[in-house]
Protein backbone atom coordinates (compact mmCIF):
# COMPACT_ATOMS: atom_id res chain seq x y z
CA MET A 1 -9.01 -16.81 30.75
CA ARG A 2 -6.40 -16.80 27.63
CA HIS A 3 -6.60 -15.90 24.27
CA GLN A 4 -4.25 -15.18 21.52
CA VAL A 5 -5.22 -12.03 20.99
CA CYS A 6 -7.39 -9.09 22.65
CA ILE A 7 -9.39 -6.98 20.48
CA ILE A 8 -10.45 -3.66 22.30
CA GLY A 9 -13.64 -2.35 20.64
CA ALA A 10 -16.46 -3.83 18.43
CA GLY A 11 -16.93 -1.48 16.02
CA PRO A 12 -16.15 -2.09 12.21
CA SER A 13 -12.25 -2.03 12.77
CA GLY A 14 -12.49 -4.49 15.88
CA LEU A 15 -15.36 -6.87 14.44
CA LEU A 16 -13.59 -7.02 10.91
CA LEU A 17 -10.25 -7.88 12.53
CA GLY A 18 -11.54 -10.44 14.56
CA GLN A 19 -13.40 -11.80 11.78
CA LEU A 20 -10.41 -12.21 9.80
CA LEU A 21 -8.43 -13.74 12.25
CA ALA A 22 -11.11 -16.13 13.33
CA MET A 23 -11.47 -17.41 9.58
CA ALA A 24 -7.64 -18.07 9.78
CA GLY A 25 -7.84 -19.87 12.97
CA VAL A 26 -6.54 -17.60 15.47
CA ASP A 27 -8.19 -16.98 18.84
CA ALA A 28 -9.21 -13.73 19.43
CA VAL A 29 -11.81 -12.12 21.90
CA ILE A 30 -13.42 -8.80 21.68
CA LEU A 31 -13.98 -6.28 24.63
CA GLU A 32 -16.75 -3.44 24.09
CA ALA A 33 -17.72 -0.58 26.39
CA LYS A 34 -21.02 -0.22 24.91
CA SER A 35 -24.11 -2.52 24.39
CA ALA A 36 -24.63 -4.41 20.94
CA ASP A 37 -27.84 -2.03 20.53
CA TYR A 38 -25.75 1.10 21.27
CA VAL A 39 -22.78 -0.08 18.46
CA LEU A 40 -25.62 -0.85 16.17
CA SER A 41 -27.38 2.63 16.64
CA ARG A 42 -24.34 4.65 15.54
CA ILE A 43 -24.92 6.49 12.17
CA ARG A 44 -21.63 6.62 10.34
CA ALA A 45 -19.95 6.46 6.88
CA GLY A 46 -21.61 4.75 3.82
CA VAL A 47 -18.78 5.11 0.70
CA LEU A 48 -16.58 2.02 0.58
CA GLU A 49 -13.37 1.60 -1.44
CA SER A 50 -12.78 -1.49 -3.10
CA GLY A 51 -10.40 -2.64 -0.46
CA LEU A 52 -13.03 -2.80 1.82
CA VAL A 53 -15.29 -4.45 0.01
CA ASP A 54 -12.54 -7.05 -0.55
CA LEU A 55 -11.83 -7.58 2.89
CA MET A 56 -15.55 -8.38 3.57
CA ARG A 57 -15.52 -10.89 1.14
CA GLN A 58 -12.30 -12.37 2.46
CA ALA A 59 -14.13 -12.24 5.94
CA GLY A 60 -17.27 -14.24 4.47
CA CYS A 61 -19.48 -11.25 5.30
CA ALA A 62 -20.03 -9.59 1.76
CA GLU A 63 -23.29 -11.57 0.54
CA ARG A 64 -25.74 -8.52 1.49
CA LEU A 65 -23.36 -6.11 0.58
CA ASP A 66 -23.19 -7.84 -2.84
CA ARG A 67 -26.73 -7.63 -3.00
CA GLU A 68 -27.84 -4.47 -1.73
CA GLY A 69 -24.74 -2.04 -1.84
CA LEU A 70 -25.04 0.62 -4.92
CA VAL A 71 -22.19 0.76 -7.17
CA HIS A 72 -21.02 4.41 -8.01
CA ASP A 73 -18.97 4.83 -10.57
CA GLY A 74 -18.43 8.81 -10.18
CA PHE A 75 -19.44 11.95 -8.19
CA HIS A 76 -20.15 15.60 -8.72
CA LEU A 77 -18.45 18.93 -8.01
CA ALA A 78 -20.85 21.52 -7.74
CA PHE A 79 -19.39 25.24 -7.62
CA ALA A 80 -19.91 28.60 -9.14
CA GLY A 81 -23.15 27.36 -10.47
CA ARG A 82 -22.04 24.65 -12.58
CA THR A 83 -21.27 20.85 -11.98
CA HIS A 84 -18.89 18.72 -13.05
CA ARG A 85 -18.95 14.81 -12.99
CA ILE A 86 -15.59 13.08 -11.75
CA ASP A 87 -15.41 9.54 -13.84
CA LEU A 88 -14.23 7.21 -11.12
CA ARG A 89 -14.62 4.08 -13.22
CA GLY A 90 -12.98 5.88 -16.38
CA LEU A 91 -10.20 7.90 -14.74
CA SER A 92 -9.24 4.95 -12.28
CA GLY A 93 -8.94 1.92 -14.77
CA GLY A 94 -12.03 0.66 -13.89
CA LYS A 95 -12.53 1.37 -10.06
CA SER A 96 -15.79 2.34 -8.25
CA VAL A 97 -17.01 2.57 -4.93
CA VAL A 98 -19.96 1.34 -3.04
CA VAL A 99 -22.60 2.94 -1.06
CA TYR A 100 -23.40 0.80 1.84
CA GLY A 101 -24.03 2.11 5.53
CA GLN A 102 -21.41 1.47 8.26
CA THR A 103 -24.44 0.54 10.37
CA GLU A 104 -25.02 -2.84 7.97
CA ILE A 105 -21.13 -3.56 7.90
CA THR A 106 -21.42 -3.51 11.39
CA ARG A 107 -24.50 -6.08 11.53
CA ASP A 108 -23.23 -7.97 9.04
CA LEU A 109 -19.84 -8.35 10.86
CA MET A 110 -21.57 -9.33 14.10
CA GLU A 111 -24.07 -11.96 12.99
CA ALA A 112 -20.93 -13.57 11.39
CA ARG A 113 -18.90 -13.55 14.83
CA ALA A 114 -22.34 -14.76 16.20
CA ALA A 115 -22.49 -17.63 13.77
CA LEU A 116 -18.73 -18.48 14.66
CA GLY A 117 -19.40 -18.84 18.10
CA VAL A 118 -16.47 -16.67 19.12
CA PRO A 119 -16.65 -14.47 22.23
CA THR A 120 -17.75 -11.11 22.27
CA VAL A 121 -17.61 -9.24 25.72
CA TYR A 122 -20.30 -6.33 25.47
CA GLU A 123 -20.66 -3.54 28.25
CA ALA A 124 -17.14 -4.45 29.66
CA GLN A 125 -16.38 -1.72 31.91
CA ASP A 126 -13.14 -0.42 33.32
CA VAL A 127 -10.97 -1.82 30.72
CA ALA A 128 -7.48 -1.48 31.51
CA LEU A 129 -4.25 -2.37 29.37
CA HIS A 130 -1.48 -3.94 31.58
CA ASP A 131 2.29 -5.04 30.61
CA PHE A 132 2.04 -4.51 26.80
CA ASP A 133 5.24 -3.28 26.77
CA GLY A 134 6.80 -6.86 28.05
CA SER A 135 6.03 -10.41 26.86
CA ARG A 136 2.81 -11.16 28.87
CA PRO A 137 0.46 -8.56 28.30
CA ARG A 138 -2.84 -8.54 30.29
CA VAL A 139 -6.36 -7.03 30.00
CA THR A 140 -8.59 -6.21 32.95
CA PHE A 141 -12.23 -5.44 33.07
CA ARG A 142 -15.48 -5.65 34.99
CA LYS A 143 -18.86 -7.40 33.91
CA ASP A 144 -21.45 -7.62 36.17
CA GLY A 145 -19.57 -6.65 39.16
CA VAL A 146 -17.01 -8.99 38.79
CA THR A 147 -13.28 -8.29 37.60
CA HIS A 148 -12.21 -10.39 34.64
CA GLU A 149 -8.27 -10.98 33.59
CA ILE A 150 -7.44 -11.70 29.81
CA ALA A 151 -4.12 -13.00 29.41
CA CYS A 152 -3.10 -12.76 25.67
CA ASP A 153 0.24 -12.22 23.14
CA PHE A 154 -1.53 -9.15 21.76
CA ILE A 155 -3.69 -6.36 22.00
CA ALA A 156 -5.46 -4.77 19.29
CA GLY A 157 -6.39 -1.21 20.23
CA CYS A 158 -9.69 -0.69 18.18
CA ASP A 159 -11.78 1.23 20.32
CA GLY A 160 -11.84 4.71 18.74
CA PHE A 161 -10.59 8.43 19.33
CA HIS A 162 -11.57 8.30 23.09
CA GLY A 163 -10.93 4.65 23.85
CA ILE A 164 -8.60 3.60 26.73
CA SER A 165 -6.04 1.97 24.27
CA ARG A 166 -4.03 5.35 23.08
CA ARG A 167 -4.70 6.75 26.55
CA SER A 168 -2.74 3.82 27.93
CA VAL A 169 0.42 4.79 26.08
CA PRO A 170 2.93 6.65 27.73
CA GLU A 171 3.15 10.23 26.27
CA THR A 172 6.77 10.10 25.88
CA ALA A 173 6.15 7.32 23.59
CA ILE A 174 3.91 8.60 21.27
CA ALA A 175 3.64 11.66 19.02
CA GLN A 176 0.24 13.37 17.85
CA PHE A 177 -0.40 15.55 14.92
CA GLU A 178 -3.84 17.29 14.68
CA ARG A 179 -5.83 19.97 13.31
CA VAL A 180 -9.51 21.06 14.35
CA TYR A 181 -11.64 22.53 12.10
CA ALA A 182 -13.91 25.71 13.32
CA PHE A 183 -17.03 24.01 11.99
CA GLY A 184 -19.23 20.67 11.40
CA TRP A 185 -21.31 18.79 9.62
CA LEU A 186 -25.15 19.11 10.23
CA GLY A 187 -26.42 15.69 9.09
CA LEU A 188 -29.76 14.62 8.63
CA LEU A 189 -30.94 10.99 7.73
CA ALA A 190 -34.57 10.49 6.17
CA ASP A 191 -36.46 7.82 4.49
CA VAL A 192 -36.95 9.40 1.38
CA PRO A 193 -35.25 9.07 -2.39
CA PRO A 194 -32.09 10.81 -2.74
CA ALA A 195 -31.85 13.89 -4.79
CA SER A 196 -29.19 12.64 -7.23
CA GLU A 197 -28.05 9.06 -8.29
CA GLU A 198 -24.54 10.20 -7.39
CA LEU A 199 -22.97 12.13 -4.60
CA VAL A 200 -22.84 15.61 -5.15
CA TYR A 201 -20.41 17.82 -3.22
CA ALA A 202 -21.33 21.40 -3.14
CA ARG A 203 -18.91 24.55 -2.74
CA HIS A 204 -21.21 27.33 -2.00
CA GLU A 205 -20.77 30.80 -0.62
CA ARG A 206 -23.32 29.95 2.14
CA GLY A 207 -21.10 26.95 2.99
CA PHE A 208 -20.56 23.36 2.05
CA ALA A 209 -23.13 20.90 1.10
CA LEU A 210 -23.32 16.88 0.46
CA ALA A 211 -26.07 15.30 -1.29
CA SER A 212 -25.60 11.66 -0.23
CA MET A 213 -27.50 8.32 0.35
CA ARG A 214 -27.71 5.09 2.13
CA SER A 215 -30.04 3.48 -0.23
CA HIS A 216 -32.38 4.19 -3.15
CA THR A 217 -35.06 5.02 -0.66
CA ARG A 218 -32.99 6.46 2.51
CA SER A 219 -31.08 9.88 1.88
CA ARG A 220 -28.07 11.34 4.09
CA SER A 221 -27.73 15.09 3.72
CA TYR A 222 -25.17 17.60 5.18
CA ILE A 223 -24.54 20.91 5.60
CA GLN A 224 -21.44 22.82 6.74
CA VAL A 225 -22.55 24.85 10.46
CA PRO A 226 -20.43 26.78 12.98
CA LEU A 227 -19.41 24.80 16.20
CA SER A 228 -21.38 27.02 18.08
CA ASP A 229 -24.58 25.55 16.52
CA GLN A 230 -27.24 23.17 18.24
CA VAL A 231 -29.06 20.46 16.72
CA GLU A 232 -31.94 21.86 18.54
CA ASP A 233 -31.56 25.01 16.46
CA TRP A 234 -32.12 23.53 13.18
CA SER A 235 -35.60 21.97 12.50
CA ASP A 236 -36.18 19.66 9.70
CA GLU A 237 -38.02 22.36 7.70
CA ARG A 238 -35.10 24.96 8.57
CA PHE A 239 -32.28 22.24 7.31
CA TYR A 240 -33.98 21.59 4.05
CA ASP A 241 -34.61 25.24 3.05
CA GLU A 242 -30.58 25.58 3.60
CA PHE A 243 -29.76 22.53 2.08
CA ARG A 244 -31.72 23.38 -1.15
CA ARG A 245 -29.78 26.87 -1.15
CA ARG A 246 -26.39 25.31 -1.40
CA LEU A 247 -27.12 22.87 -4.12
CA PRO A 248 -27.35 23.11 -7.86
CA GLU A 249 -30.79 24.27 -9.18
CA GLU A 250 -31.35 20.74 -10.90
CA VAL A 251 -30.56 18.94 -7.88
CA ALA A 252 -32.34 21.24 -5.08
CA ALA A 253 -35.50 20.63 -7.61
CA ARG A 254 -35.30 16.93 -6.74
CA VAL A 255 -34.62 17.29 -2.74
CA VAL A 256 -37.70 15.27 -1.24
CA PRO A 257 -38.52 16.49 2.25
CA GLY A 258 -39.27 13.99 4.79
CA PRO A 259 -39.01 13.95 8.72
CA SER A 260 -35.29 13.01 10.17
CA VAL A 261 -34.62 9.28 11.11
CA GLU A 262 -31.45 10.79 12.90
CA LYS A 263 -29.43 14.27 13.00
CA SER A 264 -26.66 15.39 14.35
CA ILE A 265 -23.71 17.73 14.20
CA ALA A 266 -19.96 16.12 13.78
CA PRO A 267 -17.19 18.30 14.48
CA LEU A 268 -14.38 17.96 12.08
CA ARG A 269 -10.70 17.04 12.85
CA SER A 270 -7.62 15.86 11.09
CA PHE A 271 -5.43 13.62 13.71
CA VAL A 272 -2.82 10.97 13.47
CA ALA A 273 -0.82 9.28 16.13
CA GLU A 274 2.84 7.82 15.77
CA PRO A 275 3.96 5.00 15.88
CA LEU A 276 0.97 2.64 16.11
CA ARG A 277 2.59 -0.03 17.80
CA PHE A 278 3.99 -0.19 21.23
CA GLY A 279 5.56 -3.28 22.08
CA ARG A 280 2.37 -5.82 22.06
CA LEU A 281 -0.09 -3.15 21.63
CA PHE A 282 -1.36 -2.13 18.04
CA LEU A 283 -3.49 0.94 17.37
CA ALA A 284 -6.15 0.57 14.44
CA GLY A 285 -8.79 2.62 13.20
CA ASP A 286 -9.66 5.96 15.09
CA ALA A 287 -7.83 4.98 18.05
CA GLY A 288 -4.70 6.08 15.59
CA HIS A 289 -6.13 8.48 13.49
CA ILE A 290 -9.17 10.72 12.55
CA VAL A 291 -9.81 12.36 9.06
CA PRO A 292 -12.73 14.75 7.81
CA PRO A 293 -15.42 12.90 6.37
CA THR A 294 -15.24 15.04 3.27
CA GLY A 295 -12.96 12.63 1.35
CA ALA A 296 -15.00 9.61 2.37
CA LYS A 297 -11.88 7.87 4.08
CA GLY A 298 -12.39 7.23 8.15
CA LEU A 299 -13.92 3.95 7.63
CA ASN A 300 -11.85 2.92 4.73
CA LEU A 301 -8.59 3.90 6.31
CA ALA A 302 -9.31 1.70 9.47
CA ALA A 303 -9.74 -1.34 7.03
CA SER A 304 -6.54 -0.62 5.59
CA ASP A 305 -5.42 -0.82 9.21
CA VAL A 306 -7.21 -4.22 9.74
CA HIS A 307 -5.46 -5.53 6.58
CA TYR A 308 -2.01 -4.84 7.64
CA LEU A 309 -2.51 -6.13 10.99
CA ALA A 310 -4.61 -8.88 10.36
CA SER A 311 -1.68 -9.93 7.72
CA GLY A 312 0.99 -9.74 10.14
CA LEU A 313 -0.81 -11.42 12.97
CA ILE A 314 -1.88 -14.55 10.86
CA GLU A 315 1.77 -14.49 9.58
CA HIS A 316 2.99 -15.04 13.13
CA TYR A 317 0.71 -17.74 13.91
CA ARG A 318 0.73 -19.42 10.84
CA ASP A 319 4.48 -19.38 9.72
CA GLY A 320 6.26 -18.07 12.82
CA SER A 321 7.57 -14.86 11.31
CA ASP A 322 7.05 -11.38 13.01
CA ALA A 323 8.03 -9.52 9.54
CA GLY A 324 4.51 -8.32 9.27
CA ILE A 325 3.80 -7.28 12.67
CA ASP A 326 6.94 -5.26 13.07
CA ALA A 327 6.09 -3.66 9.55
CA TYR A 328 2.61 -2.79 10.62
CA SER A 329 3.03 0.75 12.02
CA GLU A 330 5.18 1.84 9.11
CA ARG A 331 3.29 0.53 6.09
CA ALA A 332 -0.15 1.57 7.88
CA LEU A 333 1.25 5.24 8.58
CA ARG A 334 2.17 5.40 4.77
CA ARG A 335 -1.19 5.20 3.76
CA ILE A 336 -2.73 6.97 6.22
CA TRP A 337 -0.73 10.13 5.67
CA LYS A 338 -1.85 9.94 2.06
CA ALA A 339 -5.40 9.63 2.97
CA GLU A 340 -4.86 12.61 5.41
CA ARG A 341 -3.63 14.72 2.81
CA PHE A 342 -6.49 14.02 0.49
CA SER A 343 -9.17 14.48 2.97
CA TRP A 344 -7.31 17.38 4.42
CA TRP A 345 -7.27 18.84 0.65
CA MET A 346 -11.30 18.31 -0.09
CA THR A 347 -12.17 19.74 3.07
CA SER A 348 -9.92 23.10 2.34
CA MET A 349 -11.37 23.25 -1.13
CA LEU A 350 -14.84 22.68 -0.61
CA HIS A 351 -15.57 24.62 2.81
CA LEU A 352 -16.49 28.05 3.87
CA PHE A 353 -13.63 29.59 5.87
CA PRO A 354 -14.72 33.20 6.87
CA GLU A 355 -11.59 33.85 8.47
CA SER A 356 -9.22 33.29 5.56
CA GLY A 357 -10.83 36.16 3.12
CA ASP A 358 -11.55 36.61 -0.39
CA PHE A 359 -8.38 35.30 -1.72
CA VAL A 360 -9.02 31.90 -0.68
CA ALA A 361 -12.33 31.55 -1.65
CA ARG A 362 -10.76 32.46 -5.09
CA MET A 363 -8.10 29.93 -4.82
CA GLN A 364 -10.75 27.30 -4.12
CA LEU A 365 -12.64 28.10 -7.08
CA ALA A 366 -9.40 28.47 -9.40
CA GLU A 367 -8.40 24.43 -7.73
CA LEU A 368 -12.10 23.32 -8.88
CA ASP A 369 -11.91 24.77 -12.10
CA TYR A 370 -8.60 23.56 -12.82
CA ILE A 371 -9.89 19.82 -11.90
CA ALA A 372 -12.85 20.29 -14.32
CA GLY A 373 -10.95 21.29 -16.79
CA SER A 374 -7.74 18.83 -16.64
CA GLU A 375 -7.95 15.08 -17.15
CA ALA A 376 -4.84 14.75 -15.27
CA ALA A 377 -6.12 16.63 -12.11
CA ALA A 378 -9.63 14.61 -12.10
CA THR A 379 -7.47 11.52 -12.33
CA THR A 380 -5.58 12.61 -9.12
CA VAL A 381 -9.14 12.85 -7.26
CA ALA A 382 -10.65 9.83 -8.68
CA GLU A 383 -7.65 7.48 -7.68
CA ASN A 384 -7.58 8.89 -4.25
CA TYR A 385 -11.48 8.58 -4.02
CA VAL A 386 -11.71 4.88 -4.89
CA GLY A 387 -8.80 4.10 -2.68
CA LEU A 388 -5.07 3.99 -2.92
CA PRO A 389 -3.83 0.10 -3.08
CA PHE A 390 -3.00 -1.52 0.33
């Protein structure tokens, strides 16, 4: 079989790229190693920048997002017994963020793709990328015991950090930059009202905590834990006890405990691969970079990659120009490194680093106090949090 573009991975980045290409008349097939139900079961981010919301509208997939998404004009930093609100709208020229779960983004994109009748192959096994350094790339895979081959013009690797796309690139052709943190986030999802109408990021001497949400009736709560901890170590009761300890008293008093719908520990890392183009193979989303979740940038950064890549591919087929795809890696990486910086900075400022001693702890508090007392510093936080322009 032949398609113009073969997309590896049916997560949000692959689905969004496929939808934008389909809306522009570009023929793209998506290959996904897991089942559709498995893809939908993954619990991930839920804070959307305006750029991602605009892309969903451009893709014709924003009806439910616009109806059910929660617009947030600010968030709170809690530290040293005080709470300071970052006025996103006031400090960023009227911008805000939208709380809407990644699972819902995925569902909306899946349904839109099915409505268009464009092909997605789930449970594609042994996917392999061939000849992407030449003019005729190919992708092979097995489905139901039968081997298939797709001939295409371009391959888009949207299959995540552990996917085959980046691993198919020769080691000599790619540089990788990484920092692995010595702790993770223990997250608990529960069908109870959130403790705060806006997100609360808490820096506490016992460790970081985040009071977040997915809707008015579904809470998402996080605490910093050592990587040596296991989910089984944490009963719901123990989690809520520790979660309350790390929150400001007025927020902790509003925490409503509820049985966990999902509970997991996510390790934190910063990672960037350079470049993001290798002949006719492009990397996008987690295949090319990972950020700690502290700055709410992971899904949004994948969306900016998709914006640049979709624009370049559409320009190639519509206008016969390769200017967009030739500039893809440089343009995407410029924005990626800025988001990496913000996510690293937020992580460094809000988490407990026992090995760093009291000096670093004092620097964290000084940084937070400066943000709380300086409109210029708070503006920097707000501009990065709502998302830098594409």
